[in-house]
Amino acid sequence: MNKDQKNEVIELLKGKFSQYSNFYITNTESLTVAQVNDLRKVCFDKKVEMKVAKNTLIRKALESLDSEKYAGVYDSLHGVTALMFSDSPKEPALIISSFRKANGKLEKPVLKAAFVADEVFVGDNQLKALTNIKTKNELIGEIVGLLQSPAKRVIAALLEKGNKEGAAVEAPAAE
């Protein structure tokens, strides 16, 4: 790979890191070609972009954007690295988990690190926590539900009180 090609890859990666606020760094080293292709297909279906690049080029791209912001992921850049870019903070974690289960409790791909909403999660032991992260829409739904709950109780109480008073008024008229 010549210098121009390397610069092209760095620029492509910079664009991806700027476009997505969430990315996962994984190790796909011992996966077969068929397994990698299956993983790529699942990622494509779930709107997660998967890219494989050299660690030095990934590091250069991150450093040129904001070296301090991404400092927590640099130690994870070793071995075979596949990047997963997503708008959803937890979709790549769900993909990795389900891929492992579908392939006989396989331990690959290994999560090396994840950068989710300006937070760094390092190590495969963080995968479970990442699958439980709430998306923006899930959080909004919960907040709306919490806000509606007191109003629903008040309306239900008023309707119940109105029904009792209406029943009391109607009862004598029926005699």
N, C-alpha and C. Protein backbone atom coordinates (compact mmCIF):
# COMPACT_ATOMS: atom_id res chain seq x y z
N MET A 1 0.86 -1.18 0.00
CA MET A 1 0.00 0.00 0.00
C MET A 1 0.90 1.24 0.00
N ASN A 2 0.71 2.08 -1.01
CA ASN A 2 1.56 3.28 -1.09
C ASN A 2 0.97 4.42 -0.24
N LYS A 3 1.70 5.51 -0.15
CA LYS A 3 1.31 6.62 0.72
C LYS A 3 -0.04 7.21 0.34
N ASP A 4 -0.31 7.34 -0.97
CA ASP A 4 -1.59 7.89 -1.41
C ASP A 4 -2.75 6.99 -1.00
N GLN A 5 -2.55 5.68 -1.13
CA GLN A 5 -3.61 4.74 -0.74
C GLN A 5 -3.85 4.81 0.77
N LYS A 6 -2.77 4.91 1.54
CA LYS A 6 -2.91 5.03 2.99
C LYS A 6 -3.67 6.30 3.36
N ASN A 7 -3.33 7.41 2.72
CA ASN A 7 -4.02 8.68 2.99
C ASN A 7 -5.50 8.59 2.62
N GLU A 8 -5.80 7.87 1.56
CA GLU A 8 -7.18 7.67 1.13
C GLU A 8 -7.97 6.89 2.20
N VAL A 9 -7.36 5.85 2.74
CA VAL A 9 -8.00 5.05 3.79
C VAL A 9 -8.19 5.89 5.04
N ILE A 10 -7.19 6.68 5.40
CA ILE A 10 -7.29 7.55 6.59
C ILE A 10 -8.44 8.54 6.41
N GLU A 11 -8.55 9.14 5.24
CA GLU A 11 -9.64 10.09 4.98
C GLU A 11 -11.01 9.41 5.04
N LEU A 12 -11.09 8.19 4.50
CA LEU A 12 -12.34 7.43 4.56
C LEU A 12 -12.73 7.15 6.01
N LEU A 13 -11.75 6.71 6.80
CA LEU A 13 -11.99 6.43 8.21
C LEU A 13 -12.38 7.70 8.98
N LYS A 14 -11.72 8.79 8.71
CA LYS A 14 -12.06 10.06 9.36
C LYS A 14 -13.51 10.42 9.08
N GLY A 15 -13.93 10.20 7.85
CA GLY A 15 -15.33 10.47 7.48
C GLY A 15 -16.30 9.60 8.27
N LYS A 16 -15.96 8.33 8.44
CA LYS A 16 -16.82 7.41 9.20
C LYS A 16 -16.86 7.79 10.68
N PHE A 17 -15.69 8.10 11.26
CA PHE A 17 -15.65 8.48 12.66
C PHE A 17 -16.42 9.78 12.90
N SER A 18 -16.40 10.69 11.94
CA SER A 18 -17.14 11.95 12.06
C SER A 18 -18.64 11.73 11.87
N GLN A 19 -18.99 10.80 10.98
CA GLN A 19 -20.39 10.54 10.66
C GLN A 19 -21.13 9.84 11.79
N TYR A 20 -20.47 8.90 12.45
CA TYR A 20 -21.11 8.08 13.48
C TYR A 20 -20.58 8.45 14.87
N SER A 21 -21.49 8.57 15.83
CA SER A 21 -21.06 8.86 17.20
C SER A 21 -20.78 7.57 17.96
N ASN A 22 -21.05 6.42 17.33
CA ASN A 22 -20.82 5.12 17.97
C ASN A 22 -20.00 4.23 17.04
N PHE A 23 -18.95 3.63 17.58
CA PHE A 23 -18.23 2.62 16.82
C PHE A 23 -17.65 1.59 17.76
N TYR A 24 -17.55 0.38 17.25
CA TYR A 24 -17.03 -0.74 18.02
C TYR A 24 -15.76 -1.23 17.34
N ILE A 25 -14.77 -1.62 18.14
CA ILE A 25 -13.52 -2.18 17.64
C ILE A 25 -13.53 -3.65 18.03
N THR A 26 -13.50 -4.53 17.03
CA THR A 26 -13.59 -5.96 17.30
C THR A 26 -12.41 -6.71 16.71
N ASN A 27 -12.22 -7.93 17.20
CA ASN A 27 -11.21 -8.84 16.67
C ASN A 27 -11.94 -9.99 15.99
N THR A 28 -11.71 -10.15 14.70
CA THR A 28 -12.36 -11.22 13.93
C THR A 28 -11.33 -12.24 13.45
N GLU A 29 -10.20 -12.29 14.11
CA GLU A 29 -9.03 -13.04 13.65
C GLU A 29 -9.30 -14.51 13.31
N SER A 30 -9.93 -15.26 14.18
CA SER A 30 -10.06 -16.70 13.94
C SER A 30 -11.36 -17.09 13.23
N LEU A 31 -12.11 -16.11 12.75
CA LEU A 31 -13.32 -16.43 12.00
C LEU A 31 -12.97 -16.90 10.60
N THR A 32 -13.76 -17.83 10.09
CA THR A 32 -13.55 -18.28 8.71
C THR A 32 -14.07 -17.20 7.76
N VAL A 33 -13.73 -17.32 6.50
CA VAL A 33 -14.20 -16.37 5.49
C VAL A 33 -15.72 -16.39 5.44
N ALA A 34 -16.31 -17.58 5.51
CA ALA A 34 -17.77 -17.70 5.49
C ALA A 34 -18.39 -17.00 6.69
N GLN A 35 -17.78 -17.15 7.87
CA GLN A 35 -18.31 -16.50 9.07
C GLN A 35 -18.20 -14.97 8.97
N VAL A 36 -17.09 -14.49 8.44
CA VAL A 36 -16.93 -13.04 8.26
C VAL A 36 -17.97 -12.52 7.28
N ASN A 37 -18.20 -13.27 6.21
CA ASN A 37 -19.22 -12.86 5.24
C ASN A 37 -20.61 -12.85 5.87
N ASP A 38 -20.91 -13.84 6.71
CA ASP A 38 -22.19 -13.87 7.42
C ASP A 38 -22.32 -12.66 8.35
N LEU A 39 -21.23 -12.35 9.05
CA LEU A 39 -21.23 -11.20 9.95
C LEU A 39 -21.46 -9.90 9.17
N ARG A 40 -20.80 -9.77 8.04
CA ARG A 40 -20.98 -8.59 7.19
C ARG A 40 -22.43 -8.45 6.73
N LYS A 41 -23.05 -9.59 6.37
CA LYS A 41 -24.43 -9.57 5.90
C LYS A 41 -25.37 -9.13 7.02
N VAL A 42 -25.16 -9.66 8.22
CA VAL A 42 -25.99 -9.27 9.36
C VAL A 42 -25.83 -7.77 9.63
N CYS A 43 -24.59 -7.30 9.59
CA CYS A 43 -24.33 -5.88 9.80
C CYS A 43 -25.05 -5.04 8.74
N PHE A 44 -24.97 -5.45 7.49
CA PHE A 44 -25.61 -4.72 6.40
C PHE A 44 -27.13 -4.67 6.62
N ASP A 45 -27.71 -5.81 6.99
CA ASP A 45 -29.16 -5.89 7.23
C ASP A 45 -29.60 -4.99 8.38
N LYS A 46 -28.74 -4.81 9.37
CA LYS A 46 -29.07 -4.00 10.56
C LYS A 46 -28.56 -2.57 10.44
N LYS A 47 -28.11 -2.17 9.26
CA LYS A 47 -27.61 -0.82 9.00
C LYS A 47 -26.40 -0.45 9.86
N VAL A 48 -25.51 -1.42 10.02
CA VAL A 48 -24.25 -1.21 10.72
C VAL A 48 -23.14 -1.39 9.68
N GLU A 49 -22.27 -0.39 9.55
CA GLU A 49 -21.18 -0.49 8.59
C GLU A 49 -19.98 -1.18 9.22
N MET A 50 -19.47 -2.18 8.53
CA MET A 50 -18.30 -2.91 9.04
C MET A 50 -17.13 -2.66 8.10
N LYS A 51 -16.01 -2.22 8.66
CA LYS A 51 -14.80 -1.94 7.89
C LYS A 51 -13.62 -2.61 8.56
N VAL A 52 -12.73 -3.16 7.75
CA VAL A 52 -11.48 -3.72 8.25
C VAL A 52 -10.36 -2.80 7.79
N ALA A 53 -9.49 -2.44 8.73
CA ALA A 53 -8.39 -1.53 8.38
C ALA A 53 -7.19 -1.83 9.27
N LYS A 54 -6.05 -1.34 8.85
CA LYS A 54 -4.83 -1.51 9.64
C LYS A 54 -4.91 -0.61 10.87
N ASN A 55 -4.42 -1.13 11.97
CA ASN A 55 -4.48 -0.40 13.24
C ASN A 55 -3.79 0.96 13.18
N THR A 56 -2.66 1.03 12.50
CA THR A 56 -1.94 2.31 12.42
C THR A 56 -2.76 3.36 11.67
N LEU A 57 -3.49 2.93 10.64
CA LEU A 57 -4.31 3.87 9.87
C LEU A 57 -5.52 4.32 10.70
N ILE A 58 -6.09 3.39 11.47
CA ILE A 58 -7.22 3.74 12.35
C ILE A 58 -6.75 4.77 13.37
N ARG A 59 -5.60 4.49 13.96
CA ARG A 59 -5.06 5.41 14.98
C ARG A 59 -4.79 6.79 14.39
N LYS A 60 -4.18 6.84 13.20
CA LYS A 60 -3.88 8.13 12.57
C LYS A 60 -5.16 8.90 12.28
N ALA A 61 -6.20 8.20 11.84
CA ALA A 61 -7.48 8.85 11.56
C ALA A 61 -8.07 9.44 12.84
N LEU A 62 -8.05 8.65 13.91
CA LEU A 62 -8.60 9.12 15.19
C LEU A 62 -7.79 10.29 15.76
N GLU A 63 -6.46 10.17 15.68
CA GLU A 63 -5.60 11.23 16.21
C GLU A 63 -5.78 12.54 15.44
N SER A 64 -6.01 12.44 14.14
CA SER A 64 -6.16 13.66 13.35
C SER A 64 -7.50 14.35 13.63
N LEU A 65 -8.48 13.59 14.13
CA LEU A 65 -9.77 14.19 14.49
C LEU A 65 -9.72 14.82 15.87
N ASP A 66 -9.32 14.04 16.87
CA ASP A 66 -9.25 14.53 18.25
C ASP A 66 -8.50 13.50 19.09
N SER A 67 -7.20 13.69 19.24
CA SER A 67 -6.36 12.67 19.88
C SER A 67 -6.76 12.41 21.33
N GLU A 68 -7.21 13.42 22.06
CA GLU A 68 -7.59 13.22 23.46
C GLU A 68 -8.93 12.52 23.59
N LYS A 69 -9.88 12.88 22.75
CA LYS A 69 -11.22 12.30 22.81
C LYS A 69 -11.19 10.78 22.64
N TYR A 70 -10.35 10.30 21.75
CA TYR A 70 -10.29 8.88 21.44
C TYR A 70 -9.14 8.14 22.13
N ALA A 71 -8.45 8.79 23.05
CA ALA A 71 -7.27 8.21 23.69
C ALA A 71 -7.56 6.85 24.33
N GLY A 72 -8.75 6.64 24.83
CA GLY A 72 -9.09 5.39 25.51
C GLY A 72 -9.15 4.17 24.62
N VAL A 73 -9.23 4.37 23.32
CA VAL A 73 -9.33 3.22 22.41
C VAL A 73 -8.00 2.80 21.80
N TYR A 74 -6.98 3.62 21.93
CA TYR A 74 -5.70 3.34 21.27
C TYR A 74 -5.08 2.01 21.70
N ASP A 75 -5.19 1.66 22.97
CA ASP A 75 -4.59 0.41 23.46
C ASP A 75 -5.29 -0.82 22.87
N SER A 76 -6.48 -0.64 22.33
CA SER A 76 -7.23 -1.75 21.73
C SER A 76 -6.86 -2.01 20.28
N LEU A 77 -6.04 -1.15 19.72
CA LEU A 77 -5.67 -1.28 18.31
C LEU A 77 -4.46 -2.19 18.14
N HIS A 78 -4.73 -3.48 18.16
CA HIS A 78 -3.70 -4.50 17.94
C HIS A 78 -4.38 -5.72 17.34
N GLY A 79 -3.62 -6.56 16.68
CA GLY A 79 -4.19 -7.75 16.05
C GLY A 79 -5.08 -7.38 14.88
N VAL A 80 -5.92 -8.31 14.47
CA VAL A 80 -6.85 -8.07 13.36
C VAL A 80 -8.00 -7.22 13.89
N THR A 81 -8.27 -6.11 13.22
CA THR A 81 -9.29 -5.19 13.70
C THR A 81 -10.37 -4.95 12.66
N ALA A 82 -11.61 -5.14 13.10
CA ALA A 82 -12.78 -4.79 12.29
C ALA A 82 -13.54 -3.72 13.05
N LEU A 83 -13.93 -2.67 12.36
CA LEU A 83 -14.68 -1.58 12.96
C LEU A 83 -16.16 -1.74 12.60
N MET A 84 -17.02 -1.46 13.54
CA MET A 84 -18.46 -1.49 13.30
C MET A 84 -19.00 -0.10 13.64
N PHE A 85 -19.55 0.59 12.63
CA PHE A 85 -20.08 1.93 12.80
C PHE A 85 -21.60 1.86 12.81
N SER A 86 -22.22 2.59 13.75
CA SER A 86 -23.67 2.54 13.85
C SER A 86 -24.24 3.81 14.45
N ASP A 87 -25.46 4.15 14.04
CA ASP A 87 -26.18 5.26 14.67
C ASP A 87 -26.72 4.81 16.02
N SER A 88 -27.01 3.52 16.14
CA SER A 88 -27.53 2.96 17.38
C SER A 88 -26.37 2.61 18.32
N PRO A 89 -26.46 2.99 19.59
CA PRO A 89 -25.36 2.67 20.50
C PRO A 89 -25.24 1.19 20.83
N LYS A 90 -26.34 0.45 20.68
CA LYS A 90 -26.28 -0.96 21.10
C LYS A 90 -26.40 -1.98 19.98
N GLU A 91 -26.73 -1.56 18.77
CA GLU A 91 -26.94 -2.52 17.68
C GLU A 91 -25.71 -3.39 17.41
N PRO A 92 -24.49 -2.83 17.35
CA PRO A 92 -23.32 -3.70 17.15
C PRO A 92 -23.16 -4.73 18.27
N ALA A 93 -23.45 -4.35 19.51
CA ALA A 93 -23.35 -5.29 20.63
C ALA A 93 -24.36 -6.42 20.46
N LEU A 94 -25.57 -6.08 20.03
CA LEU A 94 -26.59 -7.10 19.80
C LEU A 94 -26.18 -8.03 18.66
N ILE A 95 -25.59 -7.46 17.62
CA ILE A 95 -25.12 -8.27 16.49
C ILE A 95 -24.05 -9.25 16.95
N ILE A 96 -23.07 -8.76 17.70
CA ILE A 96 -21.98 -9.63 18.18
C ILE A 96 -22.55 -10.75 19.05
N SER A 97 -23.42 -10.40 19.99
CA SER A 97 -24.02 -11.40 20.89
C SER A 97 -24.81 -12.45 20.12
N SER A 98 -25.66 -12.01 19.22
CA SER A 98 -26.49 -12.98 18.48
C SER A 98 -25.65 -13.80 17.51
N PHE A 99 -24.60 -13.20 16.95
CA PHE A 99 -23.71 -13.93 16.05
C PHE A 99 -23.00 -15.06 16.79
N ARG A 100 -22.56 -14.76 18.01
CA ARG A 100 -21.91 -15.78 18.83
C ARG A 100 -22.86 -16.94 19.13
N LYS A 101 -24.08 -16.62 19.53
CA LYS A 101 -25.07 -17.66 19.84
C LYS A 101 -25.42 -18.49 18.62
N ALA A 102 -25.58 -17.83 17.48
CA ALA A 102 -25.95 -18.53 16.25
C ALA A 102 -24.84 -19.45 15.75
N ASN A 103 -23.62 -19.20 16.17
CA ASN A 103 -22.48 -20.01 15.75
C ASN A 103 -21.97 -20.92 16.86
N GLY A 104 -22.89 -21.47 17.62
CA GLY A 104 -22.51 -22.45 18.65
C GLY A 104 -21.72 -21.89 19.80
N LYS A 105 -22.19 -20.77 20.35
CA LYS A 105 -21.53 -20.13 21.50
C LYS A 105 -20.07 -19.79 21.20
N LEU A 106 -19.81 -19.38 19.98
CA LEU A 106 -18.49 -18.94 19.55
C LEU A 106 -18.07 -17.73 20.39
N GLU A 107 -16.79 -17.59 20.63
CA GLU A 107 -16.31 -16.45 21.42
C GLU A 107 -15.79 -15.32 20.55
N LYS A 108 -16.01 -15.42 19.26
CA LYS A 108 -15.58 -14.38 18.32
C LYS A 108 -16.81 -13.86 17.61
N PRO A 109 -16.82 -12.66 17.14
CA PRO A 109 -15.79 -11.65 17.29
C PRO A 109 -15.67 -11.16 18.73
N VAL A 110 -14.46 -10.80 19.09
CA VAL A 110 -14.18 -10.31 20.43
C VAL A 110 -14.30 -8.78 20.41
N LEU A 111 -14.98 -8.26 21.39
CA LEU A 111 -15.08 -6.81 21.52
C LEU A 111 -13.80 -6.31 22.18
N LYS A 112 -13.04 -5.51 21.45
CA LYS A 112 -11.83 -4.92 22.03
C LYS A 112 -12.18 -3.63 22.75
N ALA A 113 -13.03 -2.80 22.09
CA ALA A 113 -13.44 -1.52 22.69
C ALA A 113 -14.66 -1.01 21.94
N ALA A 114 -15.36 -0.12 22.60
CA ALA A 114 -16.50 0.54 21.97
C ALA A 114 -16.47 2.01 22.37
N PHE A 115 -16.79 2.85 21.42
CA PHE A 115 -16.89 4.29 21.67
C PHE A 115 -18.35 4.63 21.45
N VAL A 116 -19.06 4.87 22.55
CA VAL A 116 -20.50 5.10 22.49
C VAL A 116 -20.82 6.43 23.16
N ALA A 117 -21.31 7.37 22.38
CA ALA A 117 -21.72 8.68 22.90
C ALA A 117 -20.63 9.30 23.79
N ASP A 118 -19.43 9.37 23.28
CA ASP A 118 -18.28 9.98 23.95
C ASP A 118 -17.79 9.21 25.18
N GLU A 119 -18.24 7.98 25.36
CA GLU A 119 -17.76 7.11 26.45
C GLU A 119 -17.01 5.94 25.84
N VAL A 120 -15.94 5.51 26.49
CA VAL A 120 -15.16 4.38 26.00
C VAL A 120 -15.42 3.17 26.90
N PHE A 121 -15.74 2.06 26.26
CA PHE A 121 -15.93 0.78 26.95
C PHE A 121 -14.83 -0.14 26.45
N VAL A 122 -13.96 -0.63 27.32
CA VAL A 122 -12.83 -1.44 26.91
C VAL A 122 -13.00 -2.87 27.41
N GLY A 123 -12.84 -3.81 26.50
CA GLY A 123 -12.85 -5.22 26.87
C GLY A 123 -14.14 -5.94 26.51
N ASP A 124 -13.99 -7.24 26.26
CA ASP A 124 -15.12 -8.07 25.87
C ASP A 124 -16.13 -8.20 27.01
N ASN A 125 -15.67 -8.01 28.25
CA ASN A 125 -16.58 -8.10 29.39
C ASN A 125 -17.61 -6.97 29.42
N GLN A 126 -17.46 -5.97 28.59
CA GLN A 126 -18.39 -4.84 28.50
C GLN A 126 -19.56 -5.11 27.55
N LEU A 127 -19.50 -6.23 26.83
CA LEU A 127 -20.51 -6.52 25.82
C LEU A 127 -21.92 -6.57 26.40
N LYS A 128 -22.09 -7.24 27.52
CA LYS A 128 -23.42 -7.36 28.14
C LYS A 128 -23.97 -5.98 28.51
N ALA A 129 -23.13 -5.15 29.09
CA ALA A 129 -23.56 -3.79 29.46
C ALA A 129 -23.98 -3.00 28.23
N LEU A 130 -23.25 -3.17 27.14
CA LEU A 130 -23.56 -2.45 25.91
C LEU A 130 -24.88 -2.91 25.28
N THR A 131 -25.23 -4.19 25.46
CA THR A 131 -26.51 -4.67 24.91
C THR A 131 -27.68 -4.10 25.70
N ASN A 132 -27.44 -3.63 26.91
CA ASN A 132 -28.51 -3.09 27.75
C ASN A 132 -28.64 -1.57 27.67
N ILE A 133 -27.79 -0.93 26.88
CA ILE A 133 -27.86 0.53 26.74
C ILE A 133 -29.20 0.89 26.10
N LYS A 134 -29.81 1.94 26.58
CA LYS A 134 -31.07 2.42 26.01
C LYS A 134 -30.77 3.35 24.84
N THR A 135 -31.51 3.18 23.76
CA THR A 135 -31.37 4.08 22.62
C THR A 135 -32.11 5.37 22.94
N LYS A 136 -31.89 6.38 22.15
CA LYS A 136 -32.54 7.68 22.34
C LYS A 136 -34.06 7.51 22.31
N ASN A 137 -34.56 6.74 21.34
CA ASN A 137 -36.01 6.55 21.22
C ASN A 137 -36.58 5.78 22.41
N GLU A 138 -35.83 4.80 22.92
CA GLU A 138 -36.29 4.07 24.10
C GLU A 138 -36.37 4.99 25.31
N LEU A 139 -35.38 5.85 25.48
CA LEU A 139 -35.40 6.80 26.60
C LEU A 139 -36.55 7.79 26.48
N ILE A 140 -36.78 8.29 25.28
CA ILE A 140 -37.89 9.22 25.06
C ILE A 140 -39.22 8.53 25.37
N GLY A 141 -39.36 7.28 24.93
CA GLY A 141 -40.57 6.51 25.22
C GLY A 141 -40.80 6.34 26.71
N GLU A 142 -39.74 6.05 27.44
CA GLU A 142 -39.86 5.89 28.89
C GLU A 142 -40.27 7.20 29.55
N ILE A 143 -39.67 8.30 29.12
CA ILE A 143 -39.99 9.61 29.70
C ILE A 143 -41.44 9.97 29.41
N VAL A 144 -41.88 9.76 28.17
CA VAL A 144 -43.27 10.05 27.82
C VAL A 144 -44.21 9.19 28.66
N GLY A 145 -43.86 7.93 28.81
CA GLY A 145 -44.68 7.03 29.64
C GLY A 145 -44.76 7.50 31.08
N LEU A 146 -43.63 7.94 31.62
CA LEU A 146 -43.62 8.45 33.00
C LEU A 146 -44.44 9.74 33.14
N LEU A 147 -44.35 10.60 32.13
CA LEU A 147 -45.11 11.84 32.17
C LEU A 147 -46.60 11.59 32.01
N GLN A 148 -46.97 10.61 31.21
CA GLN A 148 -48.38 10.30 30.98
C GLN A 148 -49.00 9.59 32.18
N SER A 149 -48.22 8.84 32.90
CA SER A 149 -48.73 8.03 33.99
C SER A 149 -49.52 8.83 35.03
N PRO A 150 -48.99 9.94 35.58
CA PRO A 150 -49.78 10.71 36.55
C PRO A 150 -51.06 11.28 35.93
N ALA A 151 -50.98 11.75 34.71
CA ALA A 151 -52.16 12.30 34.05
C ALA A 151 -53.22 11.23 33.86
N LYS A 152 -52.80 10.02 33.50
CA LYS A 152 -53.75 8.92 33.32
C LYS A 152 -54.42 8.58 34.64
N ARG A 153 -53.67 8.61 35.72
CA ARG A 153 -54.24 8.31 37.04
C ARG A 153 -55.27 9.36 37.44
N VAL A 154 -54.97 10.63 37.19
CA VAL A 154 -55.89 11.71 37.52
C VAL A 154 -57.18 11.56 36.71
N ILE A 155 -57.04 11.31 35.41
CA ILE A 155 -58.21 11.16 34.55
C ILE A 155 -59.03 9.95 34.98
N ALA A 156 -58.36 8.84 35.28
CA ALA A 156 -59.06 7.64 35.73
C ALA A 156 -59.81 7.91 37.03
N ALA A 157 -59.18 8.63 37.96
CA ALA A 157 -59.82 8.95 39.24
C ALA A 157 -61.03 9.84 39.02
N LEU A 158 -60.90 10.84 38.13
CA LEU A 158 -62.03 11.73 37.84
C LEU A 158 -63.18 10.97 37.18
N LEU A 159 -62.83 10.09 36.24
CA LEU A 159 -63.87 9.29 35.58
C LEU A 159 -64.55 8.37 36.57
N GLU A 160 -63.78 7.77 37.45
CA GLU A 160 -64.34 6.86 38.46
C GLU A 160 -65.26 7.63 39.41
N LYS A 161 -64.82 8.81 39.83
CA LYS A 161 -65.64 9.64 40.73
C LYS A 161 -66.89 10.10 40.00
N GLY A 162 -66.74 10.48 38.74
CA GLY A 162 -67.90 10.89 37.94
C GLY A 162 -68.89 9.75 37.75
N ASN A 163 -68.41 8.54 37.57
CA ASN A 163 -69.28 7.38 37.40
C ASN A 163 -70.03 7.08 38.69
N LYS A 164 -69.37 7.22 39.84
CA LYS A 164 -70.02 6.97 41.14
C LYS A 164 -71.12 8.01 41.39
N GLU A 165 -70.81 9.29 41.11
CA GLU A 165 -71.80 10.35 41.32
C GLU A 165 -72.94 10.19 40.34
N GLY A 166 -72.64 9.83 39.11
CA GLY A 166 -73.68 9.64 38.09
C GLY A 166 -74.57 8.45 38.45
N ALA A 167 -73.98 7.39 39.00
CA ALA A 167 -74.75 6.22 39.41
C ALA A 167 -75.64 6.57 40.58
N ALA A 168 -75.15 7.39 41.50
CA ALA A 168 -75.95 7.78 42.66
C ALA A 168 -77.13 8.65 42.24
N VAL A 169 -76.93 9.51 41.26
CA VAL A 169 -78.00 10.37 40.77
C VAL A 169 -79.01 9.55 39.96
N GLU A 170 -78.52 8.61 39.17
CA GLU A 170 -79.39 7.81 38.31
C GLU A 170 -80.23 6.82 39.10
N ALA A 171 -79.72 6.30 40.20
CA ALA A 171 -80.42 5.28 40.96
C ALA A 171 -81.80 5.73 41.44
N PRO A 172 -81.93 6.92 42.03
CA PRO A 172 -83.26 7.32 42.47
C PRO A 172 -84.22 7.55 41.30
N ALA A 173 -83.74 8.01 40.18
CA ALA A 173 -84.59 8.25 39.04
C ALA A 173 -85.16 6.95 38.47
N ALA A 174 -84.49 5.85 38.69
CA ALA A 174 -84.92 4.57 38.15
C ALA A 174 -86.06 3.98 38.97
N GLU A 175 -86.24 4.40 40.20
CA GLU A 175 -87.28 3.83 41.07
C GLU A 175 -88.60 4.21 40.65
